[in-house]
Amino acid sequence: MKKFMDSAWSMRLLALVCALALFAYVSSTKTNNTSSSLLTNSTSKTTLTSNRKVTISAPLELNVNSTKYFVTGYPENVKITIEGPAALVTTTANTQNFKVYANLSDLSVGRHSVKVQVDGLNKELSYSLNQKYIHINIQPRRTATYKVSADFNKSNVASGYEVGSARLGTASVKVTGAVSEVSKVAKVVAVVNTEKNLRKSVNQQAMIEALDANGQTLNVVLTPSTTSVYIPITAATTKKDVPVDLKASGKTSAETSYSFSTDTKSVTVTGTKAALAKLDKLPVDVDVTNIDATTTKTVDISNTDEDGISSVSPTTIKVKITVKNN
């Protein structure tokens, strides 16, 4: 062994083995580092370049002379699917900083099929539309003014109750649309939804609609489109003629008696059916305070205390008061 170690060739062989071992170690470390770097770069690149697809409902804009023409038949929104870098797609979906439109500026009155276009979309994004063409009808525009009336189901009013005159927040509205549609307007109504067996007055905000002669809603724009509506609901009333029942009131003396007479044989009383069914004569108080001699005075009978009575006609009568000392 000592001779082997002292030999020049043996030393050279040992040095060669060490050099090969060192080379192998360095090569292995470099390869691992390169592989790790490539993997990291690949992951980073995948993250940066990952794509996303999303579908958005975007409002459809029309390029048209809206003061001259009225357009019908087009959808309010069009679905657009965009695809591209995830971050860019997310930003675009949130901001919707692009527009979907149809150019009608060169079209005349009539029906047309028009291509839907997109403007303002980033060039890195691709897109597709669920509706590439729209079918529209261009007509001359017209605006007219119509009175508004309340419309509700009167059969919902409970038995024994009646409907008064409705009061609306707006008396008239402007109806705008195609000449062919506006010319069909038969009436404009504020639609009031009521519950069944209605016993209370209604006060609500109602949608306004323009209807044709068949009661069908027309495709027009109403300004305003809503209004407040008040519909009074009260117990149903009727009328009945009854005689008056004159009674002394006020400060009276035990030593004095009073008798009354009037040329008014009967008065007309308005009230609920139930109240009038119980009423055979109308009680009338005659104030005799400070009256010590026969006299004639005018008595107000409009402020009756009878429940269910809404009015009396006439509202006053002349009463002859005869005074007798006991």
Protein backbone atom coordinates (compact mmCIF):
# COMPACT_ATOMS: atom_id res chain seq x y z
CA MET A 1 0.00 0.00 0.00
CA LYS A 2 2.81 2.39 0.81
CA LYS A 3 4.47 1.62 -2.47
CA PHE A 4 1.19 2.31 -4.24
CA MET A 5 0.81 5.68 -2.53
CA ASP A 6 4.44 6.63 -3.31
CA SER A 7 3.94 5.84 -7.00
CA ALA A 8 3.50 8.88 -9.31
CA TRP A 9 0.92 7.05 -11.41
CA SER A 10 -1.15 6.24 -8.41
CA MET A 11 -1.30 9.91 -7.41
CA ARG A 12 -2.32 10.89 -10.90
CA LEU A 13 -5.11 8.28 -10.86
CA LEU A 14 -6.38 9.53 -7.51
CA ALA A 15 -6.44 13.13 -8.73
CA LEU A 16 -8.42 12.08 -11.80
CA VAL A 17 -11.03 10.30 -9.65
CA CYS A 18 -11.42 13.36 -7.42
CA ALA A 19 -11.80 15.65 -10.43
CA LEU A 20 -14.50 13.43 -11.94
CA ALA A 21 -16.37 13.31 -8.64
CA LEU A 22 -16.25 17.12 -8.29
CA PHE A 23 -17.49 17.59 -11.87
CA ALA A 24 -20.35 15.24 -11.31
CA TYR A 25 -21.41 17.13 -8.16
CA VAL A 26 -21.29 20.55 -9.83
CA SER A 27 -23.23 19.30 -12.86
CA SER A 28 -25.91 17.78 -10.65
CA THR A 29 -26.36 21.01 -8.65
CA LYS A 30 -26.61 23.14 -11.79
CA THR A 31 -29.15 20.79 -13.33
CA ASN A 32 -31.33 20.92 -10.23
CA ASN A 33 -31.15 24.70 -10.10
CA THR A 34 -32.01 24.98 -13.78
CA SER A 35 -34.95 22.61 -13.42
CA SER A 36 -36.23 24.54 -10.40
CA SER A 37 -35.86 27.83 -12.26
CA LEU A 38 -37.67 26.47 -15.31
CA LEU A 39 -40.48 25.15 -13.14
CA THR A 40 -40.85 28.48 -11.33
CA ASN A 41 -40.82 30.44 -14.58
CA SER A 42 -43.31 28.05 -16.12
CA THR A 43 -45.69 28.41 -13.15
CA SER A 44 -45.33 32.19 -13.20
CA LYS A 45 -45.97 32.31 -16.91
CA THR A 46 -49.04 30.09 -16.53
CA THR A 47 -50.38 32.38 -13.81
CA LEU A 48 -49.85 35.52 -15.87
CA THR A 49 -51.31 34.13 -19.05
CA SER A 50 -54.34 32.19 -17.62
CA ASN A 51 -57.56 32.96 -19.49
CA ARG A 52 -61.12 33.51 -18.34
CA LYS A 53 -64.47 33.56 -20.11
CA VAL A 54 -67.53 35.42 -18.85
CA THR A 55 -70.96 36.33 -20.23
CA ILE A 56 -72.35 39.83 -19.60
CA SER A 57 -75.79 41.31 -20.22
CA ALA A 58 -75.01 44.70 -21.77
CA PRO A 59 -77.50 47.48 -22.64
CA LEU A 60 -78.10 47.91 -26.36
CA GLU A 61 -77.65 51.45 -27.66
CA LEU A 62 -79.24 52.73 -30.85
CA ASN A 63 -77.66 55.34 -33.07
CA VAL A 64 -80.81 57.03 -34.37
CA ASN A 65 -82.45 60.45 -34.61
CA SER A 66 -84.75 59.94 -31.61
CA THR A 67 -86.46 63.32 -32.02
CA LYS A 68 -87.71 62.32 -35.47
CA TYR A 69 -88.12 58.55 -35.25
CA PHE A 70 -89.45 56.00 -32.77
CA VAL A 71 -87.97 52.48 -32.85
CA THR A 72 -89.66 49.30 -31.69
CA GLY A 73 -88.81 45.59 -31.70
CA TYR A 74 -85.29 45.71 -30.28
CA PRO A 75 -84.13 44.07 -27.02
CA GLU A 76 -83.06 46.32 -24.17
CA ASN A 77 -80.02 44.13 -23.44
CA VAL A 78 -77.75 41.81 -25.44
CA LYS A 79 -75.63 39.02 -23.95
CA ILE A 80 -71.95 39.23 -24.87
CA THR A 81 -69.34 36.58 -23.98
CA ILE A 82 -65.78 37.91 -23.61
CA GLU A 83 -62.63 35.85 -23.27
CA GLY A 84 -58.98 36.69 -22.61
CA PRO A 85 -56.51 37.31 -19.77
CA ALA A 86 -58.27 36.71 -16.50
CA ALA A 87 -57.40 40.06 -14.92
CA LEU A 88 -58.51 41.98 -18.02
CA VAL A 89 -61.75 40.03 -18.31
CA THR A 90 -62.57 40.68 -14.65
CA THR A 91 -61.93 44.42 -15.00
CA THR A 92 -64.02 44.63 -18.17
CA ALA A 93 -66.91 42.70 -16.62
CA ASN A 94 -66.93 45.01 -13.58
CA THR A 95 -66.60 48.34 -15.39
CA GLN A 96 -68.34 47.48 -18.69
CA ASN A 97 -66.28 50.24 -20.29
CA PHE A 98 -67.44 49.33 -23.79
CA LYS A 99 -70.71 49.64 -25.66
CA VAL A 100 -72.92 47.33 -27.67
CA TYR A 101 -74.82 49.24 -30.34
CA ALA A 102 -76.74 49.18 -33.62
CA ASN A 103 -76.30 51.95 -36.17
CA LEU A 104 -79.66 53.05 -37.59
CA SER A 105 -78.58 56.50 -38.78
CA ASP A 106 -78.71 55.62 -42.48
CA LEU A 107 -81.98 53.70 -42.36
CA SER A 108 -85.39 54.92 -43.49
CA VAL A 109 -88.87 54.31 -42.08
CA GLY A 110 -89.83 50.65 -42.10
CA ARG A 111 -88.65 47.24 -40.89
CA HIS A 112 -84.95 46.37 -40.93
CA SER A 113 -82.49 43.70 -39.84
CA VAL A 114 -79.47 45.44 -38.32
CA LYS A 115 -76.09 44.08 -37.23
CA VAL A 116 -75.15 44.45 -33.57
CA GLN A 117 -71.68 45.93 -33.07
CA VAL A 118 -69.24 46.31 -30.18
CA ASP A 119 -66.94 49.28 -29.58
CA GLY A 120 -64.34 50.05 -26.92
CA LEU A 121 -63.39 46.46 -26.09
CA ASN A 122 -59.69 45.83 -25.38
CA LYS A 123 -57.88 44.24 -28.36
CA GLU A 124 -56.56 41.43 -26.15
CA LEU A 125 -60.13 40.24 -25.62
CA SER A 126 -62.23 38.18 -28.00
CA TYR A 127 -66.03 38.24 -27.89
CA SER A 128 -69.17 36.66 -29.25
CA LEU A 129 -72.79 37.88 -29.18
CA ASN A 130 -75.82 35.73 -28.53
CA GLN A 131 -77.71 37.95 -30.99
CA LYS A 132 -75.72 39.19 -33.97
CA TYR A 133 -78.69 40.89 -35.66
CA ILE A 134 -81.79 42.64 -34.37
CA HIS A 135 -85.08 43.14 -36.20
CA ILE A 136 -86.46 46.63 -35.70
CA ASN A 137 -89.28 48.85 -36.94
CA ILE A 138 -88.58 52.55 -37.52
CA GLN A 139 -91.63 54.82 -37.52
CA PRO A 140 -92.20 58.58 -37.46
CA ARG A 141 -92.32 59.83 -33.88
CA ARG A 142 -95.42 61.48 -32.36
CA THR A 143 -96.25 62.96 -28.96
CA ALA A 144 -99.79 63.67 -27.77
CA THR A 145 -101.40 64.61 -24.44
CA TYR A 146 -104.17 62.51 -22.87
CA LYS A 147 -106.23 62.75 -19.68
CA VAL A 148 -105.71 60.04 -17.06
CA SER A 149 -108.46 58.17 -15.22
CA ALA A 150 -108.28 55.66 -12.38
CA ASP A 151 -108.88 52.03 -13.33
CA PHE A 152 -109.67 49.39 -10.70
CA ASN A 153 -111.96 46.42 -10.13
CA LYS A 154 -115.15 47.90 -8.68
CA SER A 155 -116.44 44.41 -7.89
CA ASN A 156 -113.89 44.33 -5.07
CA VAL A 157 -115.88 46.95 -3.14
CA ALA A 158 -117.73 45.35 -0.24
CA SER A 159 -121.50 45.10 -0.28
CA GLY A 160 -123.09 48.16 1.33
CA TYR A 161 -120.21 50.44 0.34
CA GLU A 162 -119.81 52.86 -2.55
CA VAL A 163 -116.99 54.54 -4.48
CA GLY A 164 -116.48 58.29 -4.58
CA SER A 165 -114.70 60.30 -7.27
CA ALA A 166 -111.05 59.30 -7.63
CA ARG A 167 -108.39 61.98 -7.19
CA LEU A 168 -105.12 61.61 -9.17
CA GLY A 169 -101.76 63.30 -8.64
CA THR A 170 -101.59 64.14 -12.35
CA ALA A 171 -104.49 65.04 -14.60
CA SER A 172 -102.80 64.28 -17.93
CA VAL A 173 -99.71 62.63 -19.42
CA LYS A 174 -97.67 62.88 -22.60
CA VAL A 175 -97.81 59.79 -24.80
CA THR A 176 -94.84 59.33 -27.14
CA GLY A 177 -94.36 56.60 -29.72
CA ALA A 178 -94.73 55.58 -33.32
CA VAL A 179 -97.55 57.41 -35.12
CA SER A 180 -99.29 54.08 -35.72
CA GLU A 181 -99.30 53.28 -31.97
CA VAL A 182 -100.21 56.72 -30.63
CA SER A 183 -103.16 56.89 -33.04
CA LYS A 184 -104.57 53.72 -31.41
CA VAL A 185 -104.79 55.22 -27.91
CA ALA A 186 -108.38 54.97 -26.69
CA LYS A 187 -107.73 55.86 -23.05
CA VAL A 188 -104.93 56.32 -20.54
CA VAL A 189 -105.44 54.80 -17.10
CA ALA A 190 -103.72 54.63 -13.74
CA VAL A 191 -104.03 50.96 -12.79
CA VAL A 192 -104.94 50.55 -9.10
CA ASN A 193 -104.64 47.14 -7.44
CA THR A 194 -107.24 46.63 -4.72
CA GLU A 195 -108.05 43.80 -2.36
CA LYS A 196 -111.42 42.06 -2.26
CA ASN A 197 -114.24 43.06 0.12
CA LEU A 198 -112.91 46.64 0.18
CA ARG A 199 -114.26 48.86 2.98
CA LYS A 200 -111.51 51.49 3.29
CA SER A 201 -110.41 54.29 0.99
CA VAL A 202 -107.46 53.52 -1.29
CA ASN A 203 -104.35 55.70 -1.46
CA GLN A 204 -101.43 54.35 -3.52
CA GLN A 205 -98.92 54.95 -6.31
CA ALA A 206 -100.13 53.48 -9.60
CA MET A 207 -98.59 52.63 -12.97
CA ILE A 208 -100.02 54.50 -15.96
CA GLU A 209 -100.90 52.57 -19.14
CA ALA A 210 -102.14 53.58 -22.58
CA LEU A 211 -104.82 51.22 -23.90
CA ASP A 212 -106.39 50.67 -27.31
CA ALA A 213 -110.11 50.15 -27.97
CA ASN A 214 -109.78 46.46 -27.01
CA GLY A 215 -108.10 47.23 -23.69
CA GLN A 216 -104.67 46.09 -24.90
CA THR A 217 -101.57 47.91 -23.65
CA LEU A 218 -99.80 49.92 -26.36
CA ASN A 219 -96.04 50.15 -26.90
CA VAL A 220 -95.57 53.83 -26.09
CA VAL A 221 -93.62 55.96 -23.61
CA LEU A 222 -95.65 57.78 -20.93
CA THR A 223 -94.49 60.91 -19.11
CA PRO A 224 -94.99 60.65 -16.19
CA SER A 225 -95.29 56.87 -15.98
CA THR A 226 -96.76 56.75 -12.45
CA THR A 227 -99.13 58.85 -10.36
CA SER A 228 -100.68 58.86 -6.90
CA VAL A 229 -104.34 57.82 -6.73
CA TYR A 230 -106.87 58.35 -3.94
CA ILE A 231 -110.20 56.53 -4.17
CA PRO A 232 -112.70 57.25 -1.37
CA ILE A 233 -114.68 54.20 -0.22
CA THR A 234 -117.62 54.94 2.09
CA ALA A 235 -120.70 53.18 3.35
CA ALA A 236 -123.37 53.28 0.65
CA THR A 237 -126.02 55.96 1.15
CA THR A 238 -129.60 56.43 0.10
CA LYS A 239 -132.30 59.07 0.62
CA LYS A 240 -135.50 59.13 2.60
CA ASP A 241 -138.19 61.75 3.29
CA VAL A 242 -139.15 61.97 6.96
CA PRO A 243 -141.05 64.49 9.16
CA VAL A 244 -139.23 66.58 11.76
CA ASP A 245 -139.61 66.02 15.49
CA LEU A 246 -139.26 69.44 17.16
CA LYS A 247 -138.04 69.51 20.77
CA ALA A 248 -137.17 72.34 23.14
CA SER A 249 -133.54 72.82 24.15
CA GLY A 250 -131.47 75.42 25.97
CA LYS A 251 -132.51 77.21 29.14
CA THR A 252 -136.15 76.56 29.94
CA SER A 253 -138.40 77.53 32.84
CA ALA A 254 -140.62 75.15 34.75
CA GLU A 255 -143.32 77.84 34.70
CA THR A 256 -143.29 78.04 30.89
CA SER A 257 -144.30 75.52 28.25
CA TYR A 258 -143.51 75.60 24.53
CA SER A 259 -145.20 74.26 21.46
CA PHE A 260 -143.77 74.22 17.94
CA SER A 261 -145.07 74.24 14.42
CA THR A 262 -143.52 74.47 10.95
CA ASP A 263 -144.69 74.67 7.38
CA THR A 264 -141.99 72.16 6.43
CA LYS A 265 -143.83 68.87 6.54
CA SER A 266 -140.82 66.66 5.75
CA VAL A 267 -137.11 66.83 4.99
CA THR A 268 -134.90 64.66 2.76
CA VAL A 269 -132.29 62.75 4.72
CA THR A 270 -129.24 61.13 3.10
CA GLY A 271 -127.44 58.35 4.92
CA THR A 272 -126.61 54.68 5.03
CA LYS A 273 -129.33 52.19 4.30
CA ALA A 274 -129.05 50.78 7.82
CA ALA A 275 -129.40 54.21 9.44
CA LEU A 276 -132.39 55.24 7.32
CA ALA A 277 -134.15 51.96 7.99
CA LYS A 278 -134.28 52.92 11.68
CA LEU A 279 -135.27 56.56 11.05
CA ASP A 280 -139.03 57.39 11.13
CA LYS A 281 -138.63 61.10 11.94
CA LEU A 282 -135.72 63.51 12.31
CA PRO A 283 -135.14 64.90 15.81
CA VAL A 284 -134.60 68.71 15.70
CA ASP A 285 -133.62 70.73 18.77
CA VAL A 286 -135.12 74.22 18.99
CA ASP A 287 -133.24 76.57 21.32
CA VAL A 288 -135.74 78.50 23.44
CA THR A 289 -133.23 80.29 25.63
CA ASN A 290 -134.50 83.83 26.45
CA ILE A 291 -137.69 83.28 24.45
CA ASP A 292 -140.63 84.41 26.61
CA ALA A 293 -143.19 85.24 23.93
CA THR A 294 -144.52 83.58 20.80
CA THR A 295 -142.03 84.05 17.97
CA THR A 296 -140.79 82.51 14.72
CA LYS A 297 -137.09 81.63 14.23
CA THR A 298 -134.91 79.87 11.68
CA VAL A 299 -133.47 76.59 12.94
CA ASP A 300 -130.40 74.87 11.50
CA ILE A 301 -131.04 71.14 11.01
CA SER A 302 -127.91 70.26 9.01
CA ASN A 303 -125.83 69.29 12.05
CA THR A 304 -127.77 66.23 13.06
CA ASP A 305 -126.25 63.87 15.63
CA GLU A 306 -127.88 60.77 14.14
CA ASP A 307 -125.33 58.04 13.29
CA GLY A 308 -125.07 57.17 9.60
CA ILE A 309 -126.72 60.44 8.43
CA SER A 310 -124.54 62.41 6.01
CA SER A 311 -126.82 65.29 5.01
CA VAL A 312 -130.28 66.84 5.37
CA SER A 313 -132.17 68.97 2.85
CA PRO A 314 -133.20 71.68 3.39
CA THR A 315 -130.53 72.65 5.90
CA THR A 316 -132.76 75.14 7.75
CA ILE A 317 -136.48 75.43 8.54
CA LYS A 318 -138.68 78.14 10.05
CA VAL A 319 -140.25 77.16 13.33
CA LYS A 320 -143.07 79.00 15.15
CA ILE A 321 -142.53 78.87 18.91
CA THR A 322 -145.65 79.37 20.98
CA VAL A 323 -145.02 80.25 24.67
CA LYS A 324 -147.50 79.49 27.42
CA ASN A 325 -147.15 80.41 31.07
CA ASN A 326 -148.27 77.68 33.36
